[in-house]
C-alpha atoms as a PDB file:
ATOM      1  CA  LEU A   1     -18.973  20.753   0.685  1.00  0.00           C
ATOM      2  CA  ALA A   2     -19.780  23.122  -2.183  1.00  0.00           C
ATOM      3  CA  ARG A   3     -20.055  23.476  -5.965  1.00  0.00           C
ATOM      4  CA  ALA A   4     -18.910  26.263  -8.251  1.00  0.00           C
ATOM      5  CA  PRO A   5     -19.351  26.456 -12.054  1.00  0.00           C
ATOM      6  CA  VAL A   6     -15.685  27.353 -12.547  1.00  0.00           C
ATOM      7  CA  ASP A   7     -13.761  25.810  -9.664  1.00  0.00           C
ATOM      8  CA  GLY A   8     -15.666  22.483  -9.676  1.00  0.00           C
ATOM      9  CA  VAL A   9     -16.287  20.647  -6.396  1.00  0.00           C
ATOM     10  CA  LEU A  10     -14.953  21.619  -2.975  1.00  0.00           C
ATOM     11  CA  ILE A  11     -14.161  18.406  -1.088  1.00  0.00           C
ATOM     12  CA  ARG A  12     -12.696  17.456   2.276  1.00  0.00           C
ATOM     13  CA  TYR A  13     -10.643  14.284   2.589  1.00  0.00           C
ATOM     14  CA  GLU A  14     -11.930  12.008   5.344  1.00  0.00           C
ATOM     15  CA  ASP A  15      -8.444  10.940   6.460  1.00  0.00           C
ATOM     16  CA  THR A  16      -6.577  14.274   6.517  1.00  0.00           C
ATOM     17  CA  TYR A  17      -9.527  16.712   6.592  1.00  0.00           C
ATOM     18  CA  GLN A  18      -7.726  18.737   3.919  1.00  0.00           C
ATOM     19  CA  GLN A  19     -10.081  20.811   1.774  1.00  0.00           C
ATOM     20  CA  MET A  20      -9.490  21.578  -1.891  1.00  0.00           C
ATOM     21  CA  TRP A  21     -11.250  22.280  -5.178  1.00  0.00           C
ATOM     22  CA  VAL A  22     -11.242  19.423  -7.696  1.00  0.00           C
ATOM     23  CA  GLY A  23     -12.775  18.876 -11.113  1.00  0.00           C
ATOM     24  CA  GLU A  24     -16.052  17.021 -11.599  1.00  0.00           C
ATOM     25  CA  HIS A  25     -14.224  14.196 -13.397  1.00  0.00           C
ATOM     26  CA  ASP A  26     -12.051  13.595 -10.300  1.00  0.00           C
ATOM     27  CA  VAL A  27     -15.044  12.769  -8.111  1.00  0.00           C
ATOM     28  CA  ARG A  28     -17.141   9.617  -7.933  1.00  0.00           C
ATOM     29  CA  ALA A  29     -19.683   8.094  -5.550  1.00  0.00           C
ATOM     30  CA  GLY A  30     -18.241   6.521  -2.392  1.00  0.00           C
ATOM     31  CA  GLN A  31     -17.355   2.862  -2.899  1.00  0.00           C
ATOM     32  CA  SER A  32     -17.196   1.978   0.785  1.00  0.00           C
ATOM     33  CA  GLY A  33     -18.569   3.172   4.096  1.00  0.00           C
ATOM     34  CA  GLY A  34     -22.062   4.473   4.681  1.00  0.00           C
ATOM     35  CA  GLY A  35     -23.000   5.202   1.052  1.00  0.00           C
ATOM     36  CA  GLN A  36     -24.336   2.706  -1.431  1.00  0.00           C
ATOM     37  CA  SER A  37     -21.806   0.427  -3.050  1.00  0.00           C
ATOM     38  CA  THR A  38     -21.897  -1.788  -6.084  1.00  0.00           C
ATOM     39  CA  VAL A  39     -18.818  -3.729  -5.014  1.00  0.00           C
ATOM     40  CA  THR A  40     -19.219  -7.501  -5.068  1.00  0.00           C
ATOM     41  CA  SER A  41     -16.467  -9.106  -3.023  1.00  0.00           C
ATOM     42  CA  GLN A  42     -15.947 -12.007  -0.651  1.00  0.00           C
ATOM     43  CA  TRP A  43     -14.150  -9.583   1.682  1.00  0.00           C
ATOM     44  CA  ASN A  44     -15.475  -6.934   4.031  1.00  0.00           C
ATOM     45  CA  VAL A  45     -13.827  -3.806   5.368  1.00  0.00           C
ATOM     46  CA  GLY A  46     -11.970  -4.758   8.552  1.00  0.00           C
ATOM     47  CA  ASP A  47     -11.287  -8.384   7.554  1.00  0.00           C
ATOM     48  CA  GLN A  48      -7.930  -9.844   8.590  1.00  0.00           C
ATOM     49  CA  VAL A  49      -6.471 -11.484   5.492  1.00  0.00           C
ATOM     50  CA  GLU A  50      -3.198 -12.461   3.853  1.00  0.00           C
ATOM     51  CA  VAL A  51      -1.926 -10.777   0.701  1.00  0.00           C
ATOM     52  CA  LEU A  52       0.613 -12.026  -1.830  1.00  0.00           C
ATOM     53  CA  ARG A  53       3.150  -9.228  -1.508  1.00  0.00           C
ATOM     54  CA  PRO A  54       4.761  -8.419  -4.889  1.00  0.00           C
ATOM     55  CA  ALA A  55       8.055  -7.333  -3.310  1.00  0.00           C
ATOM     56  CA  ASP A  56       8.973 -10.751  -1.925  1.00  0.00           C
ATOM     57  CA  GLY A  57       6.268 -13.138  -3.135  1.00  0.00           C
ATOM     58  CA  ARG A  58       5.215 -13.972   0.420  1.00  0.00           C
ATOM     59  CA  TRP A  59       1.718 -14.225   1.845  1.00  0.00           C
ATOM     60  CA  THR A  60       1.644 -11.434   4.407  1.00  0.00           C
ATOM     61  CA  ALA A  61      -0.898 -10.531   7.088  1.00  0.00           C
ATOM     62  CA  ALA A  62      -2.981  -7.488   6.194  1.00  0.00           C
ATOM     63  CA  SER A  63      -6.247  -5.696   6.930  1.00  0.00           C
ATOM     64  CA  VAL A  64      -8.926  -4.773   4.393  1.00  0.00           C
ATOM     65  CA  LEU A  65      -9.497  -1.008   4.357  1.00  0.00           C
ATOM     66  CA  ALA A  66     -11.755  -0.519   1.326  1.00  0.00           C
ATOM     67  CA  LEU A  67     -13.213  -2.226  -1.735  1.00  0.00           C
ATOM     68  CA  ASP A  68     -13.500  -0.958  -5.282  1.00  0.00           C
ATOM     69  CA  PRO A  69     -15.032  -2.644  -8.360  1.00  0.00           C
ATOM     70  CA  VAL A  70     -12.134  -1.452 -10.522  1.00  0.00           C
ATOM     71  CA  ASP A  71      -9.100  -1.133  -8.256  1.00  0.00           C
ATOM     72  CA  GLY A  72      -9.858  -4.229  -6.172  1.00  0.00           C
ATOM     73  CA  VAL A  73      -9.042  -4.357  -2.461  1.00  0.00           C
ATOM     74  CA  LEU A  74      -7.277  -1.637  -0.490  1.00  0.00           C
ATOM     75  CA  ILE A  75      -5.157  -3.363   2.169  1.00  0.00           C
ATOM     76  CA  ARG A  76      -2.724  -2.353   4.875  1.00  0.00           C
ATOM     77  CA  TYR A  77       0.172  -4.678   5.669  1.00  0.00           C
ATOM     78  CA  GLU A  78       0.351  -5.488   9.375  1.00  0.00           C
ATOM     79  CA  ASP A  79       4.156  -5.445   9.487  1.00  0.00           C
ATOM     80  CA  THR A  80       4.984  -2.289   7.516  1.00  0.00           C
ATOM     81  CA  TYR A  81       1.581  -0.518   7.635  1.00  0.00           C
ATOM     82  CA  GLN A  82       1.973   0.169   3.912  1.00  0.00           C
ATOM     83  CA  GLN A  83      -1.329   0.643   2.096  1.00  0.00           C
ATOM     84  CA  MET A  84      -1.903  -0.455  -1.483  1.00  0.00           C
ATOM     85  CA  TRP A  85      -4.573  -1.661  -3.900  1.00  0.00           C
ATOM     86  CA  VAL A  86      -4.369  -5.348  -4.818  1.00  0.00           C
ATOM     87  CA  GLY A  87      -6.463  -7.689  -6.938  1.00  0.00           C
ATOM     88  CA  GLU A  88      -8.999 -10.081  -5.446  1.00  0.00           C
ATOM     89  CA  ASN A  89      -6.861 -13.031  -6.555  1.00  0.00           C
ATOM     90  CA  ASP A  90      -3.961 -11.760  -4.442  1.00  0.00           C
ATOM     91  CA  VAL A  91      -5.992 -11.934  -1.223  1.00  0.00           C
ATOM     92  CA  ARG A  92      -6.821 -15.015   0.809  1.00  0.00           C
ATOM     93  CA  ALA A  93      -8.222 -15.806   4.230  1.00  0.00           C
ATOM     94  CA  SER A  94      -5.716 -15.608   7.064  1.00  0.00           C
ATOM     95  CA  GLN A  95      -3.872 -18.900   7.479  1.00  0.00           C
ATOM     96  CA  SER A  96      -2.319 -18.049  10.831  1.00  0.00           C
ATOM     97  CA  GLY A  97      -2.419 -15.556  13.663  1.00  0.00           C
ATOM     98  CA  GLY A  98      -4.510 -14.963  16.745  1.00  0.00           C
ATOM     99  CA  GLY A  99      -7.260 -13.235  14.812  1.00  0.00           C
ATOM    100  CA  GLU A 100      -8.379 -16.444  13.175  1.00  0.00           C
ATOM    101  CA  TRP A 101      -7.263 -19.166  15.566  1.00  0.00           C
ATOM    102  CA  GLY A 102      -7.136 -17.353  18.892  1.00  0.00           C
ATOM    103  CA  GLY A 103      -8.603 -19.686  21.516  1.00  0.00           C
ATOM    104  CA  GLN A 104      -9.645 -22.151  18.824  1.00  0.00           C
ATOM    105  CA  GLU A 105      -8.213 -25.463  17.715  1.00  0.00           C
ATOM    106  CA  PRO A 106      -6.178 -25.579  14.514  1.00  0.00           C
ATOM    107  CA  GLN A 107      -6.415 -28.715  12.460  1.00  0.00           C
ATOM    108  CA  ALA A 108      -3.274 -30.844  12.186  1.00  0.00           C
ATOM    109  CA  GLY A 109      -0.873 -29.234   9.760  1.00  0.00           C
ATOM    110  CA  ASP A 110      -2.608 -25.842   9.648  1.00  0.00           C
ATOM    111  CA  GLY A 111      -0.166 -23.317   8.248  1.00  0.00           C
ATOM    112  CA  CYS A 112       2.523 -25.942   7.649  1.00  0.00           C
ATOM    113  CA  GLU A 113       2.488 -25.104   3.946  1.00  0.00           C
ATOM    114  CA  LEU A 114       3.946 -21.746   4.994  1.00  0.00           C
ATOM    115  CA  ARG A 115       6.912 -23.357   6.756  1.00  0.00           C
ATOM    116  CA  GLY A 116      10.063 -21.929   5.257  1.00  0.00           C
ATOM    117  CA  GLN A 117       8.179 -18.926   3.879  1.00  0.00           C
ATOM    118  CA  ILE A 118       7.238 -17.028   7.044  1.00  0.00           C
ATOM    119  CA  VAL A 119       9.850 -14.915   8.825  1.00  0.00           C
ATOM    120  CA  SER A 120       9.373 -12.969  12.029  1.00  0.00           C
ATOM    121  CA  VAL A 121       8.984  -9.211  11.793  1.00  0.00           C
ATOM    122  CA  ASN A 122       9.805  -7.085  14.824  1.00  0.00           C
ATOM    123  CA  SER A 123       6.997  -4.556  14.877  1.00  0.00           C
ATOM    124  CA  GLN A 124       8.211  -3.312  18.281  1.00  0.00           C
ATOM    125  CA  GLN A 125       4.649  -3.865  19.477  1.00  0.00           C
ATOM    126  CA  SER A 126       4.706  -6.133  22.508  1.00  0.00           C
ATOM    127  CA  ALA A 127       2.536  -9.235  22.518  1.00  0.00           C
ATOM    128  CA  THR A 128       1.988 -12.437  24.442  1.00  0.00           C
ATOM    129  CA  VAL A 129       1.688 -15.850  22.822  1.00  0.00           C
ATOM    130  CA  THR A 130       0.166 -18.783  24.686  1.00  0.00           C
ATOM    131  CA  ILE A 131       0.400 -22.300  23.289  1.00  0.00           C
ATOM    132  CA  VAL A 132      -1.987 -24.889  24.752  1.00  0.00           C
ATOM    133  CA  ASN A 133      -1.298 -28.615  24.345  1.00  0.00           C
ATOM    134  CA  ASP A 134      -4.663 -30.329  24.496  1.00  0.00           C
ATOM    135  CA  GLY A 135      -3.264 -33.541  23.052  1.00  0.00           C
ATOM    136  CA  SER A 136      -1.766 -36.687  24.553  1.00  0.00           C
ATOM    137  CA  THR A 137       1.907 -36.216  23.556  1.00  0.00           C
ATOM    138  CA  TYR A 138       4.566 -33.557  24.003  1.00  0.00           C
ATOM    139  CA  ILE A 139       4.707 -30.673  21.545  1.00  0.00           C
ATOM    140  CA  TYR A 140       7.651 -28.394  20.798  1.00  0.00           C
ATOM    141  CA  VAL A 141       7.484 -24.734  19.806  1.00  0.00           C
ATOM    142  CA  TYR A 142      10.215 -23.076  17.757  1.00  0.00           C
ATOM    143  CA  TRP A 143      10.534 -19.359  17.146  1.00  0.00           C
ATOM    144  CA  ILE A 144      10.982 -18.428  13.469  1.00  0.00           C
ATOM    145  CA  ASP A 145      13.713 -15.797  13.380  1.00  0.00           C
ATOM    146  CA  TYR A 146      14.116 -12.878  10.971  1.00  0.00           C
ATOM    147  CA  GLY A 147      15.853 -15.136   8.461  1.00  0.00           C
ATOM    148  CA  GLY A 148      13.293 -17.931   8.627  1.00  0.00           C
ATOM    149  CA  ASN A 149      15.393 -20.202  10.865  1.00  0.00           C
ATOM    150  CA  GLU A 150      13.726 -22.144  13.670  1.00  0.00           C
ATOM    151  CA  GLY A 151      15.072 -22.198  17.226  1.00  0.00           C
ATOM    152  CA  ASP A 152      14.834 -20.326  20.495  1.00  0.00           C
ATOM    153  CA  TYR A 153      15.139 -16.593  21.077  1.00  0.00           C
ATOM    154  CA  GLN A 154      18.945 -16.929  21.253  1.00  0.00           C
ATOM    155  CA  SER A 155      18.947 -18.465  17.744  1.00  0.00           C
ATOM    156  CA  ARG A 156      19.995 -21.834  19.149  1.00  0.00           C
ATOM    157  CA  GLN A 157      18.633 -24.825  17.257  1.00  0.00           C
ATOM    158  CA  GLN A 158      16.477 -26.030  20.107  1.00  0.00           C
ATOM    159  CA  PRO A 159      12.815 -25.581  21.057  1.00  0.00           C
ATOM    160  CA  LEU A 160      11.728 -22.314  22.584  1.00  0.00           C
ATOM    161  CA  LEU A 161       9.019 -24.177  24.517  1.00  0.00           C
ATOM    162  CA  THR A 162       8.443 -27.827  25.425  1.00  0.00           C
ATOM    163  CA  ILE A 163       4.839 -28.385  26.466  1.00  0.00           C
ATOM    164  CA  ALA A 164       3.593 -31.538  28.164  1.00  0.00           C
ATOM    165  CA  PRO A 165       0.183 -33.089  27.393  1.00  0.00           C
ATOM    166  CA  GLY A 166      -2.538 -30.983  28.970  1.00  0.00           C
ATOM    167  CA  GLY A 167      -0.127 -28.130  29.604  1.00  0.00           C
ATOM    168  CA  ALA A 168       0.135 -24.552  28.400  1.00  0.00           C
ATOM    169  CA  GLN A 169       2.949 -22.019  28.279  1.00  0.00           C
ATOM    170  CA  SER A 170       3.064 -18.320  27.535  1.00  0.00           C
ATOM    171  CA  VAL A 171       5.985 -16.397  26.126  1.00  0.00           C
ATOM    172  CA  ALA A 172       6.746 -12.728  25.586  1.00  0.00           C
ATOM    173  CA  SER A 173       6.493 -11.926  21.917  1.00  0.00           C
ATOM    174  CA  ALA A 174       5.872  -9.139  19.423  1.00  0.00           C
ATOM    175  CA  ILE A 175       3.214  -8.683  16.786  1.00  0.00           C
ATOM    176  CA  GLY A 176       4.683 -10.248  13.663  1.00  0.00           C
ATOM    177  CA  PHE A 177       6.629 -13.025  15.408  1.00  0.00           C
ATOM    178  CA  GLY A 178       6.109 -16.482  13.897  1.00  0.00           C
ATOM    179  CA  TYR A 179       6.300 -19.916  15.510  1.00  0.00           C
ATOM    180  CA  THR A 180       6.428 -23.514  14.303  1.00  0.00           C
ATOM    181  CA  VAL A 181       4.818 -26.225  16.434  1.00  0.00           C
ATOM    182  CA  VAL A 182       5.970 -29.827  15.963  1.00  0.00           C
ATOM    183  CA  GLY A 183       5.095 -33.166  17.526  1.00  0.00           C
ATOM    184  CA  GLU A 184       7.258 -35.797  19.192  1.00  0.00           C
ATOM    185  CA  ASN A 185       8.136 -37.391  15.873  1.00  0.00           C
ATOM    186  CA  GLY A 186       9.120 -34.051  14.378  1.00  0.00           C
ATOM    187  CA  ASN A 187       6.004 -33.691  12.236  1.00  0.00           C
ATOM    188  CA  CYS A 188       4.719 -30.167  11.702  1.00  0.00           C
ATOM    189  CA  LEU A 189       1.543 -29.459  13.633  1.00  0.00           C
ATOM    190  CA  GLY A 190       1.154 -25.824  12.699  1.00  0.00           C
ATOM    191  CA  VAL A 191       2.791 -22.519  11.837  1.00  0.00           C
ATOM    192  CA  VAL A 192       1.304 -19.527  13.625  1.00  0.00           C
ATOM    193  CA  GLN A 193       2.039 -15.822  13.819  1.00  0.00           C
ATOM    194  CA  ALA A 194       1.242 -13.265  16.508  1.00  0.00           C
ATOM    195  CA  SER A 195      -1.167 -10.730  15.071  1.00  0.00           C
ATOM    196  CA  GLU A 196      -2.621  -9.219  18.246  1.00  0.00           C
ATOM    197  CA  ALA A 197      -1.430  -8.118  21.673  1.00  0.00           C
ATOM    198  CA  VAL A 198      -2.750 -11.363  23.180  1.00  0.00           C
ATOM    199  CA  ASN A 199      -2.621 -14.583  21.128  1.00  0.00           C
ATOM    200  CA  GLU A 200      -3.638 -18.099  22.130  1.00  0.00           C
ATOM    201  CA  PHE A 201      -3.279 -21.217  20.006  1.00  0.00           C
ATOM    202  CA  VAL A 202      -4.709 -24.565  21.048  1.00  0.00           C
ATOM    203  CA  PHE A 203      -3.379 -27.800  19.591  1.00  0.00           C
ATOM    204  CA  ALA A 204      -5.535 -30.843  20.223  1.00  0.00           C
ATOM    205  CA  GLY A 205      -5.973 -34.403  19.087  1.00  0.00           C
ATOM    206  CA  PHE A 206      -2.403 -35.010  17.884  1.00  0.00           C
END
């Protein structure tokens, strides 16, 4: 906004619109947004990713907010909305959730490596989850509760949904809720997590 030989640089923060004088050494060229950037990254601002959260060692859904050649990737966790800088190696493509699979067909076993690691988080943001069975056998959907246990919404050890071949069922959910989908022989077909207000997951060819 302005320069002064004594006070330094008058800036205005883009998020809070607060104005203040800062020293020249506290200012650098913008690393994201409309200005030029020298950041080389496989990620882009706005990407839906998963981040290895230091607090619990779990891969957690997050959004990319900014990129920096030194600090790495600025992310915001989808469950807690906490923002933090993380290294490139701590970020991976989303393995579950409507953002990546919504209306598409997961491959057999997609997300099953996360079974036992994902727990549901009640974001208090309502959502709808639709599971489509495009295969030739029954599939069973279990809700993953807040402790990582699989069952129905009453924490009974039984499927939340039983879906016939060619059928589809929708269930009231919340952003952050996780589900395990298994086949007739009990094999894991996928682990998914609601990441949007409307989520659809199609299982085919099992």
